[in-house]
Amino acid sequence: MFRVSNNLVGILNFITFLLSIPILWAGIWLKNKGTSECDKFLDTPIIILGVFLLLVSLAGLIGACCRVSWLLWAYLVVMFFLIILLFCFTIFAFVVTNKGAGQVLSGKGYKEYKLGDYSNWLQKRVGNGKNWGKIKSCLIDAKVCSDFNQKFMNDTVEVLYTRHLSALQAGCCKPSDSCGFIYKSPINWEKTPTNSTSDPDCNAWDNQTDVLCFNCNSCKAGLLDNLKRDWKKVAVINIVFLVFLIIVYSVGCCAFRNNRRDNNAYSAGWKHP
């Protein structure tokens, strides 16, 4: 007799199977049509995710609906490790994003971001030259500073100082206030010979639109501040998803027991008509 748990596992995995198709297609499209470094950085993980969801959902669907016990067992093993992995990642996300925050500046509408305020693990990730090269390319492609310049191009320096800038705008698109540069436009600042500061970001600044402060520690810190907020949101979503996976896993275990019971009953009936 077919059980409700088998039906439920079949329905859930059929939905997952349908979702895996556009994810896989998006990854293949990015691999073939993507033009930027940012696009190429995303295509492989998306393809891997799409293939993983496709295979796991097929295993759960066939195992539950066709009573193939070994497939359903493999599905449950994968689900178990996925739950463990997701639990560990959620804890890790909360730990590495626990440190770091923008520093409030007197009389300014934005904050200042220091790389040393964030966790060592995150600092090492953005401190890696290869990693930062890809991230910087993504920031330039996203036109973070071009949009910043377009939005505030008519501001005087006094007005710009009152703006509530994002972490990326404050860290990547303008020099640090301690540099004492002369304001020309939001992304154009004049260095003067009298400027003397130990802040390496002041030397890293350049008025070229593809340089600006993208090589500054303040830009890396601004990115980490964004990443910190995003990871905390993802961690909260992961908790909800984790509860959902545990429920699906429990239902899958019931379906697996049903399969074994039905198969045993069928075998006993075949041997003793």
C-alpha atoms as a PDB file:
ATOM      1  CA  MET A   1       0.000   0.000   0.000  1.00  0.00           C
ATOM      2  CA  PHE A   2       1.357   3.370  -1.023  1.00  0.00           C
ATOM      3  CA  ARG A   3       1.940   5.714   1.945  1.00  0.00           C
ATOM      4  CA  VAL A   4       1.322   9.456   2.367  1.00  0.00           C
ATOM      5  CA  SER A   5       5.007   9.995   3.210  1.00  0.00           C
ATOM      6  CA  ASN A   6       6.034   8.554  -0.164  1.00  0.00           C
ATOM      7  CA  ASN A   7       3.637  10.888  -1.958  1.00  0.00           C
ATOM      8  CA  LEU A   8       4.910  13.881  -0.008  1.00  0.00           C
ATOM      9  CA  VAL A   9       8.575  13.106  -0.691  1.00  0.00           C
ATOM     10  CA  GLY A  10       7.725  12.601  -4.370  1.00  0.00           C
ATOM     11  CA  ILE A  11       5.906  15.946  -4.633  1.00  0.00           C
ATOM     12  CA  LEU A  12       8.672  17.889  -2.839  1.00  0.00           C
ATOM     13  CA  ASN A  13      11.375  16.382  -5.032  1.00  0.00           C
ATOM     14  CA  PHE A  14       9.372  16.956  -8.201  1.00  0.00           C
ATOM     15  CA  ILE A  15       9.193  20.664  -7.286  1.00  0.00           C
ATOM     16  CA  THR A  16      12.956  20.664  -6.571  1.00  0.00           C
ATOM     17  CA  PHE A  17      13.561  18.965  -9.930  1.00  0.00           C
ATOM     18  CA  LEU A  18      11.619  21.698 -11.735  1.00  0.00           C
ATOM     19  CA  LEU A  19      13.586  24.404  -9.865  1.00  0.00           C
ATOM     20  CA  SER A  20      16.928  22.798 -10.764  1.00  0.00           C
ATOM     21  CA  ILE A  21      16.294  23.189 -14.505  1.00  0.00           C
ATOM     22  CA  PRO A  22      16.328  27.049 -14.650  1.00  0.00           C
ATOM     23  CA  ILE A  23      19.278  27.128 -12.202  1.00  0.00           C
ATOM     24  CA  LEU A  24      21.282  24.783 -14.437  1.00  0.00           C
ATOM     25  CA  TRP A  25      20.257  26.723 -17.546  1.00  0.00           C
ATOM     26  CA  ALA A  26      21.350  30.020 -15.935  1.00  0.00           C
ATOM     27  CA  GLY A  27      24.791  28.564 -15.142  1.00  0.00           C
ATOM     28  CA  ILE A  28      25.258  27.263 -18.698  1.00  0.00           C
ATOM     29  CA  TRP A  29      24.106  30.611 -20.130  1.00  0.00           C
ATOM     30  CA  LEU A  30      26.602  32.518 -17.965  1.00  0.00           C
ATOM     31  CA  LYS A  31      29.401  30.161 -19.006  1.00  0.00           C
ATOM     32  CA  ASN A  32      28.686  30.653 -22.711  1.00  0.00           C
ATOM     33  CA  LYS A  33      27.391  34.238 -22.802  1.00  0.00           C
ATOM     34  CA  GLY A  34      28.989  35.885 -19.756  1.00  0.00           C
ATOM     35  CA  THR A  35      31.401  38.652 -20.710  1.00  0.00           C
ATOM     36  CA  SER A  36      32.717  39.976 -17.396  1.00  0.00           C
ATOM     37  CA  GLU A  37      35.032  38.427 -14.807  1.00  0.00           C
ATOM     38  CA  CYS A  38      32.117  38.632 -12.381  1.00  0.00           C
ATOM     39  CA  ASP A  39      29.924  36.506 -14.660  1.00  0.00           C
ATOM     40  CA  LYS A  40      32.662  33.898 -15.096  1.00  0.00           C
ATOM     41  CA  PHE A  41      33.170  33.791 -11.331  1.00  0.00           C
ATOM     42  CA  LEU A  42      29.538  32.718 -10.846  1.00  0.00           C
ATOM     43  CA  ASP A  43      28.933  30.231 -13.652  1.00  0.00           C
ATOM     44  CA  THR A  44      30.677  27.139 -12.212  1.00  0.00           C
ATOM     45  CA  PRO A  45      29.051  27.293  -8.724  1.00  0.00           C
ATOM     46  CA  ILE A  46      25.615  27.756 -10.327  1.00  0.00           C
ATOM     47  CA  ILE A  47      26.131  24.777 -12.665  1.00  0.00           C
ATOM     48  CA  ILE A  48      27.315  22.601  -9.753  1.00  0.00           C
ATOM     49  CA  LEU A  49      24.272  23.635  -7.686  1.00  0.00           C
ATOM     50  CA  GLY A  50      21.906  22.906 -10.592  1.00  0.00           C
ATOM     51  CA  VAL A  51      23.386  19.441 -11.256  1.00  0.00           C
ATOM     52  CA  PHE A  52      23.370  18.620  -7.527  1.00  0.00           C
ATOM     53  CA  LEU A  53      19.692  19.570  -7.115  1.00  0.00           C
ATOM     54  CA  LEU A  54      18.790  17.702 -10.305  1.00  0.00           C
ATOM     55  CA  LEU A  55      20.438  14.433  -9.238  1.00  0.00           C
ATOM     56  CA  VAL A  56      19.270  14.554  -5.615  1.00  0.00           C
ATOM     57  CA  SER A  57      15.679  15.372  -6.560  1.00  0.00           C
ATOM     58  CA  LEU A  58      15.620  12.539  -9.129  1.00  0.00           C
ATOM     59  CA  ALA A  59      16.949  10.096  -6.528  1.00  0.00           C
ATOM     60  CA  GLY A  60      14.291  11.157  -4.021  1.00  0.00           C
ATOM     61  CA  LEU A  61      11.518  11.171  -6.638  1.00  0.00           C
ATOM     62  CA  ILE A  62      12.290   7.733  -8.107  1.00  0.00           C
ATOM     63  CA  GLY A  63      13.131   6.239  -4.715  1.00  0.00           C
ATOM     64  CA  ALA A  64       9.838   7.354  -3.157  1.00  0.00           C
ATOM     65  CA  CYS A  65       7.438   6.880  -6.073  1.00  0.00           C
ATOM     66  CA  CYS A  66       8.906   3.683  -7.560  1.00  0.00           C
ATOM     67  CA  ARG A  67       9.808   2.150  -4.201  1.00  0.00           C
ATOM     68  CA  VAL A  68      13.513   1.874  -5.090  1.00  0.00           C
ATOM     69  CA  SER A  69      14.924   1.528  -1.589  1.00  0.00           C
ATOM     70  CA  TRP A  70      18.626   1.914  -2.431  1.00  0.00           C
ATOM     71  CA  LEU A  71      17.973   5.210  -4.263  1.00  0.00           C
ATOM     72  CA  LEU A  72      15.923   6.527  -1.368  1.00  0.00           C
ATOM     73  CA  TRP A  73      18.673   5.437   1.030  1.00  0.00           C
ATOM     74  CA  ALA A  74      21.278   7.345  -1.045  1.00  0.00           C
ATOM     75  CA  TYR A  75      18.947  10.357  -1.058  1.00  0.00           C
ATOM     76  CA  LEU A  76      18.672  10.264   2.743  1.00  0.00           C
ATOM     77  CA  VAL A  77      22.452   9.984   3.163  1.00  0.00           C
ATOM     78  CA  VAL A  78      22.970  13.069   0.987  1.00  0.00           C
ATOM     79  CA  MET A  79      20.240  14.920   2.872  1.00  0.00           C
ATOM     80  CA  PHE A  80      21.858  14.032   6.208  1.00  0.00           C
ATOM     81  CA  PHE A  81      25.243  15.414   5.150  1.00  0.00           C
ATOM     82  CA  LEU A  82      23.541  18.483   3.666  1.00  0.00           C
ATOM     83  CA  ILE A  83      21.864  19.180   7.007  1.00  0.00           C
ATOM     84  CA  ILE A  84      25.185  18.841   8.838  1.00  0.00           C
ATOM     85  CA  LEU A  85      26.945  21.064   6.292  1.00  0.00           C
ATOM     86  CA  LEU A  86      24.230  23.730   6.441  1.00  0.00           C
ATOM     87  CA  PHE A  87      24.261  23.701  10.252  1.00  0.00           C
ATOM     88  CA  CYS A  88      28.055  24.152  10.330  1.00  0.00           C
ATOM     89  CA  PHE A  89      27.948  26.936   7.730  1.00  0.00           C
ATOM     90  CA  THR A  90      25.258  28.795   9.696  1.00  0.00           C
ATOM     91  CA  ILE A  91      27.335  28.693  12.882  1.00  0.00           C
ATOM     92  CA  PHE A  92      30.440  29.712  10.919  1.00  0.00           C
ATOM     93  CA  ALA A  93      28.594  32.654   9.309  1.00  0.00           C
ATOM     94  CA  PHE A  94      27.545  34.014  12.696  1.00  0.00           C
ATOM     95  CA  VAL A  95      31.090  33.636  14.081  1.00  0.00           C
ATOM     96  CA  VAL A  96      33.004  35.347  11.240  1.00  0.00           C
ATOM     97  CA  THR A  97      30.514  38.215  10.968  1.00  0.00           C
ATOM     98  CA  ASN A  98      30.439  38.914  14.702  1.00  0.00           C
ATOM     99  CA  LYS A  99      33.253  41.509  14.503  1.00  0.00           C
ATOM    100  CA  GLY A 100      33.402  44.787  12.610  1.00  0.00           C
ATOM    101  CA  ALA A 101      31.323  47.916  12.206  1.00  0.00           C
ATOM    102  CA  GLY A 102      31.636  51.323  10.585  1.00  0.00           C
ATOM    103  CA  GLN A 103      33.014  54.145  12.728  1.00  0.00           C
ATOM    104  CA  VAL A 104      30.779  57.191  13.097  1.00  0.00           C
ATOM    105  CA  LEU A 105      32.402  60.460  11.994  1.00  0.00           C
ATOM    106  CA  SER A 106      31.489  63.720  13.682  1.00  0.00           C
ATOM    107  CA  GLY A 107      29.345  65.905  11.438  1.00  0.00           C
ATOM    108  CA  LYS A 108      29.278  63.358   8.592  1.00  0.00           C
ATOM    109  CA  GLY A 109      26.329  61.410   7.238  1.00  0.00           C
ATOM    110  CA  TYR A 110      28.446  58.363   6.443  1.00  0.00           C
ATOM    111  CA  LYS A 111      30.782  56.111   8.384  1.00  0.00           C
ATOM    112  CA  GLU A 112      34.445  55.214   7.990  1.00  0.00           C
ATOM    113  CA  TYR A 113      35.465  51.583   7.565  1.00  0.00           C
ATOM    114  CA  LYS A 114      38.722  50.035   8.801  1.00  0.00           C
ATOM    115  CA  LEU A 115      39.866  46.640   7.518  1.00  0.00           C
ATOM    116  CA  GLY A 116      41.411  45.686  10.860  1.00  0.00           C
ATOM    117  CA  ASP A 117      38.015  45.845  12.580  1.00  0.00           C
ATOM    118  CA  TYR A 118      36.766  42.702  10.845  1.00  0.00           C
ATOM    119  CA  SER A 119      37.531  39.033  11.475  1.00  0.00           C
ATOM    120  CA  ASN A 120      40.948  37.724  10.455  1.00  0.00           C
ATOM    121  CA  TRP A 121      39.380  35.071   8.220  1.00  0.00           C
ATOM    122  CA  LEU A 122      37.496  37.682   6.189  1.00  0.00           C
ATOM    123  CA  GLN A 123      40.556  39.938   6.036  1.00  0.00           C
ATOM    124  CA  LYS A 124      42.627  37.115   4.546  1.00  0.00           C
ATOM    125  CA  ARG A 125      39.980  36.408   1.902  1.00  0.00           C
ATOM    126  CA  VAL A 126      39.962  39.993   0.569  1.00  0.00           C
ATOM    127  CA  GLY A 127      43.692  40.434   1.216  1.00  0.00           C
ATOM    128  CA  ASN A 128      44.460  37.731  -1.332  1.00  0.00           C
ATOM    129  CA  GLY A 129      45.494  39.536  -4.534  1.00  0.00           C
ATOM    130  CA  LYS A 130      43.778  37.058  -6.867  1.00  0.00           C
ATOM    131  CA  ASN A 131      40.509  37.187  -4.937  1.00  0.00           C
ATOM    132  CA  TRP A 132      40.526  40.965  -4.701  1.00  0.00           C
ATOM    133  CA  GLY A 133      41.245  41.300  -8.420  1.00  0.00           C
ATOM    134  CA  LYS A 134      38.014  39.438  -9.215  1.00  0.00           C
ATOM    135  CA  ILE A 135      36.036  41.359  -6.585  1.00  0.00           C
ATOM    136  CA  LYS A 136      37.350  44.693  -7.859  1.00  0.00           C
ATOM    137  CA  SER A 137      36.368  43.727 -11.400  1.00  0.00           C
ATOM    138  CA  CYS A 138      32.840  42.978 -10.175  1.00  0.00           C
ATOM    139  CA  LEU A 139      32.608  46.329  -8.378  1.00  0.00           C
ATOM    140  CA  ILE A 140      33.703  48.181 -11.506  1.00  0.00           C
ATOM    141  CA  ASP A 141      31.286  46.192 -13.688  1.00  0.00           C
ATOM    142  CA  ALA A 142      28.481  46.978 -11.241  1.00  0.00           C
ATOM    143  CA  LYS A 143      29.225  50.723 -11.722  1.00  0.00           C
ATOM    144  CA  VAL A 144      29.213  51.353  -7.977  1.00  0.00           C
ATOM    145  CA  CYS A 145      31.262  54.539  -8.261  1.00  0.00           C
ATOM    146  CA  SER A 146      29.871  55.629 -11.637  1.00  0.00           C
ATOM    147  CA  ASP A 147      26.376  55.683 -10.141  1.00  0.00           C
ATOM    148  CA  PHE A 148      27.749  57.429  -7.045  1.00  0.00           C
ATOM    149  CA  ASN A 149      29.285  60.163  -9.200  1.00  0.00           C
ATOM    150  CA  GLN A 150      26.152  60.541 -11.307  1.00  0.00           C
ATOM    151  CA  LYS A 151      23.916  60.849  -8.255  1.00  0.00           C
ATOM    152  CA  PHE A 152      25.983  63.422  -6.345  1.00  0.00           C
ATOM    153  CA  MET A 153      27.876  65.217  -9.133  1.00  0.00           C
ATOM    154  CA  ASN A 154      26.227  68.592  -8.384  1.00  0.00           C
ATOM    155  CA  ASP A 155      26.971  68.455  -4.633  1.00  0.00           C
ATOM    156  CA  THR A 156      29.417  70.767  -2.943  1.00  0.00           C
ATOM    157  CA  VAL A 157      31.826  69.094  -0.546  1.00  0.00           C
ATOM    158  CA  GLU A 158      29.737  70.316   2.412  1.00  0.00           C
ATOM    159  CA  VAL A 159      26.619  68.690   0.985  1.00  0.00           C
ATOM    160  CA  LEU A 160      28.481  65.486   0.099  1.00  0.00           C
ATOM    161  CA  TYR A 161      29.667  65.183   3.700  1.00  0.00           C
ATOM    162  CA  THR A 162      26.029  65.091   4.868  1.00  0.00           C
ATOM    163  CA  ARG A 163      25.028  62.281   2.505  1.00  0.00           C
ATOM    164  CA  HIS A 164      24.220  58.839   3.897  1.00  0.00           C
ATOM    165  CA  LEU A 165      26.630  56.881   1.723  1.00  0.00           C
ATOM    166  CA  SER A 166      26.736  53.114   1.523  1.00  0.00           C
ATOM    167  CA  ALA A 167      29.774  51.257   2.836  1.00  0.00           C
ATOM    168  CA  LEU A 168      31.042  50.684  -0.718  1.00  0.00           C
ATOM    169  CA  GLN A 169      30.516  54.302  -1.747  1.00  0.00           C
ATOM    170  CA  ALA A 170      32.299  55.649   1.330  1.00  0.00           C
ATOM    171  CA  GLY A 171      35.147  53.144   1.153  1.00  0.00           C
ATOM    172  CA  CYS A 172      35.751  52.747  -2.606  1.00  0.00           C
ATOM    173  CA  CYS A 173      34.569  55.903  -4.356  1.00  0.00           C
ATOM    174  CA  LYS A 174      36.128  58.711  -2.296  1.00  0.00           C
ATOM    175  CA  PRO A 175      39.411  59.158  -0.420  1.00  0.00           C
ATOM    176  CA  SER A 176      39.554  58.982   3.349  1.00  0.00           C
ATOM    177  CA  ASP A 177      38.763  62.265   5.124  1.00  0.00           C
ATOM    178  CA  SER A 178      42.169  62.080   6.823  1.00  0.00           C
ATOM    179  CA  CYS A 179      43.912  62.561   3.444  1.00  0.00           C
ATOM    180  CA  GLY A 180      42.823  66.212   3.271  1.00  0.00           C
ATOM    181  CA  PHE A 181      42.438  66.197  -0.516  1.00  0.00           C
ATOM    182  CA  ILE A 182      40.790  69.145  -2.298  1.00  0.00           C
ATOM    183  CA  TYR A 183      37.297  68.316  -3.583  1.00  0.00           C
ATOM    184  CA  LYS A 184      36.574  68.756  -7.296  1.00  0.00           C
ATOM    185  CA  SER A 185      33.738  66.267  -7.799  1.00  0.00           C
ATOM    186  CA  PRO A 186      32.547  63.122  -5.981  1.00  0.00           C
ATOM    187  CA  ILE A 187      35.217  60.988  -7.705  1.00  0.00           C
ATOM    188  CA  ASN A 188      37.758  63.716  -8.491  1.00  0.00           C
ATOM    189  CA  TRP A 189      39.999  64.946  -5.656  1.00  0.00           C
ATOM    190  CA  GLU A 190      43.218  66.926  -5.927  1.00  0.00           C
ATOM    191  CA  LYS A 191      46.275  65.766  -4.023  1.00  0.00           C
ATOM    192  CA  THR A 192      48.398  68.591  -2.641  1.00  0.00           C
ATOM    193  CA  PRO A 193      52.092  68.549  -1.686  1.00  0.00           C
ATOM    194  CA  THR A 194      51.223  69.624   1.850  1.00  0.00           C
ATOM    195  CA  ASN A 195      49.208  66.466   2.493  1.00  0.00           C
ATOM    196  CA  SER A 196      51.113  64.254   4.913  1.00  0.00           C
ATOM    197  CA  THR A 197      49.508  61.174   6.399  1.00  0.00           C
ATOM    198  CA  SER A 198      50.516  57.647   7.341  1.00  0.00           C
ATOM    199  CA  ASP A 199      47.316  56.246   5.836  1.00  0.00           C
ATOM    200  CA  PRO A 200      48.359  54.057   2.849  1.00  0.00           C
ATOM    201  CA  ASP A 201      44.913  54.588   1.308  1.00  0.00           C
ATOM    202  CA  CYS A 202      45.869  58.186   0.497  1.00  0.00           C
ATOM    203  CA  ASN A 203      48.692  56.993  -1.765  1.00  0.00           C
ATOM    204  CA  ALA A 204      46.447  54.308  -3.296  1.00  0.00           C
ATOM    205  CA  TRP A 205      43.846  56.889  -4.414  1.00  0.00           C
ATOM    206  CA  ASP A 206      43.746  57.831  -8.098  1.00  0.00           C
ATOM    207  CA  ASN A 207      41.177  59.879 -10.047  1.00  0.00           C
ATOM    208  CA  GLN A 208      40.955  57.317 -12.855  1.00  0.00           C
ATOM    209  CA  THR A 209      37.485  55.775 -12.821  1.00  0.00           C
ATOM    210  CA  ASP A 210      38.853  52.222 -12.851  1.00  0.00           C
ATOM    211  CA  VAL A 211      41.230  52.923  -9.957  1.00  0.00           C
ATOM    212  CA  LEU A 212      39.768  55.468  -7.472  1.00  0.00           C
ATOM    213  CA  CYS A 213      40.064  53.757  -4.072  1.00  0.00           C
ATOM    214  CA  PHE A 214      39.417  50.212  -5.308  1.00  0.00           C
ATOM    215  CA  ASN A 215      42.888  49.241  -4.057  1.00  0.00           C
ATOM    216  CA  CYS A 216      42.322  50.844  -0.641  1.00  0.00           C
ATOM    217  CA  ASN A 217      41.865  48.985   2.638  1.00  0.00           C
ATOM    218  CA  SER A 218      38.781  51.137   3.213  1.00  0.00           C
ATOM    219  CA  CYS A 219      37.217  49.660   0.050  1.00  0.00           C
ATOM    220  CA  LYS A 220      37.939  46.122   1.258  1.00  0.00           C
ATOM    221  CA  ALA A 221      36.457  47.034   4.647  1.00  0.00           C
ATOM    222  CA  GLY A 222      33.364  48.493   2.963  1.00  0.00           C
ATOM    223  CA  LEU A 223      32.904  45.260   1.063  1.00  0.00           C
ATOM    224  CA  LEU A 224      33.265  43.240   4.269  1.00  0.00           C
ATOM    225  CA  ASP A 225      30.654  45.421   5.968  1.00  0.00           C
ATOM    226  CA  ASN A 226      28.233  44.643   3.130  1.00  0.00           C
ATOM    227  CA  LEU A 227      29.213  40.981   3.271  1.00  0.00           C
ATOM    228  CA  LYS A 228      28.683  40.898   7.012  1.00  0.00           C
ATOM    229  CA  ARG A 229      25.092  42.146   6.710  1.00  0.00           C
ATOM    230  CA  ASP A 230      24.347  39.812   3.790  1.00  0.00           C
ATOM    231  CA  TRP A 231      25.796  36.755   5.555  1.00  0.00           C
ATOM    232  CA  LYS A 232      23.687  37.444   8.644  1.00  0.00           C
ATOM    233  CA  LYS A 233      20.581  37.562   6.464  1.00  0.00           C
ATOM    234  CA  VAL A 234      21.651  34.323   4.770  1.00  0.00           C
ATOM    235  CA  ALA A 235      22.286  32.714   8.162  1.00  0.00           C
ATOM    236  CA  VAL A 236      18.738  33.538   9.284  1.00  0.00           C
ATOM    237  CA  ILE A 237      17.333  32.117   6.030  1.00  0.00           C
ATOM    238  CA  ASN A 238      19.520  29.033   6.520  1.00  0.00           C
ATOM    239  CA  ILE A 239      17.926  28.403   9.914  1.00  0.00           C
ATOM    240  CA  VAL A 240      14.469  28.349   8.312  1.00  0.00           C
ATOM    241  CA  PHE A 241      15.753  26.146   5.464  1.00  0.00           C
ATOM    242  CA  LEU A 242      17.448  23.855   7.982  1.00  0.00           C
ATOM    243  CA  VAL A 243      14.155  23.269   9.798  1.00  0.00           C
ATOM    244  CA  PHE A 244      12.516  22.524   6.425  1.00  0.00           C
ATOM    245  CA  LEU A 245      15.273  20.030   5.504  1.00  0.00           C
ATOM    246  CA  ILE A 246      14.940  18.256   8.846  1.00  0.00           C
ATOM    247  CA  ILE A 247      11.195  17.864   8.256  1.00  0.00           C
ATOM    248  CA  VAL A 248      11.779  16.541   4.703  1.00  0.00           C
ATOM    249  CA  TYR A 249      14.470  14.190   6.018  1.00  0.00           C
ATOM    250  CA  SER A 250      12.083  12.854   8.661  1.00  0.00           C
ATOM    251  CA  VAL A 251       9.367  12.266   6.062  1.00  0.00           C
ATOM    252  CA  GLY A 252      11.965  10.598   3.821  1.00  0.00           C
ATOM    253  CA  CYS A 253      12.904   8.225   6.644  1.00  0.00           C
ATOM    254  CA  CYS A 254       9.238   7.243   6.960  1.00  0.00           C
ATOM    255  CA  ALA A 255       9.069   6.650   3.196  1.00  0.00           C
ATOM    256  CA  PHE A 256      12.219   4.498   3.384  1.00  0.00           C
ATOM    257  CA  ARG A 257      10.699   2.356   6.142  1.00  0.00           C
ATOM    258  CA  ASN A 258       7.527   2.042   4.072  1.00  0.00           C
ATOM    259  CA  ASN A 259       9.543   0.864   1.057  1.00  0.00           C
ATOM    260  CA  ARG A 260      11.372  -1.777   3.096  1.00  0.00           C
ATOM    261  CA  ARG A 261       8.160  -2.967   4.734  1.00  0.00           C
ATOM    262  CA  ASP A 262       6.366  -3.224   1.383  1.00  0.00           C
ATOM    263  CA  ASN A 263       9.326  -4.922  -0.267  1.00  0.00           C
ATOM    264  CA  ASN A 264       9.597  -7.437   2.581  1.00  0.00           C
ATOM    265  CA  ALA A 265       5.868  -8.112   2.416  1.00  0.00           C
ATOM    266  CA  TYR A 266       6.083  -8.570  -1.358  1.00  0.00           C
ATOM    267  CA  SER A 267       9.050 -10.952  -1.007  1.00  0.00           C
ATOM    268  CA  ALA A 268       7.269 -12.982   1.675  1.00  0.00           C
ATOM    269  CA  GLY A 269       4.136 -13.218  -0.460  1.00  0.00           C
ATOM    270  CA  TRP A 270       6.167 -14.278  -3.527  1.00  0.00           C
ATOM    271  CA  LYS A 271       7.914 -17.043  -1.573  1.00  0.00           C
ATOM    272  CA  HIS A 272       4.745 -18.286   0.128  1.00  0.00           C
ATOM    273  CA  PRO A 273       1.777 -17.951  -2.225  1.00  0.00           C
END
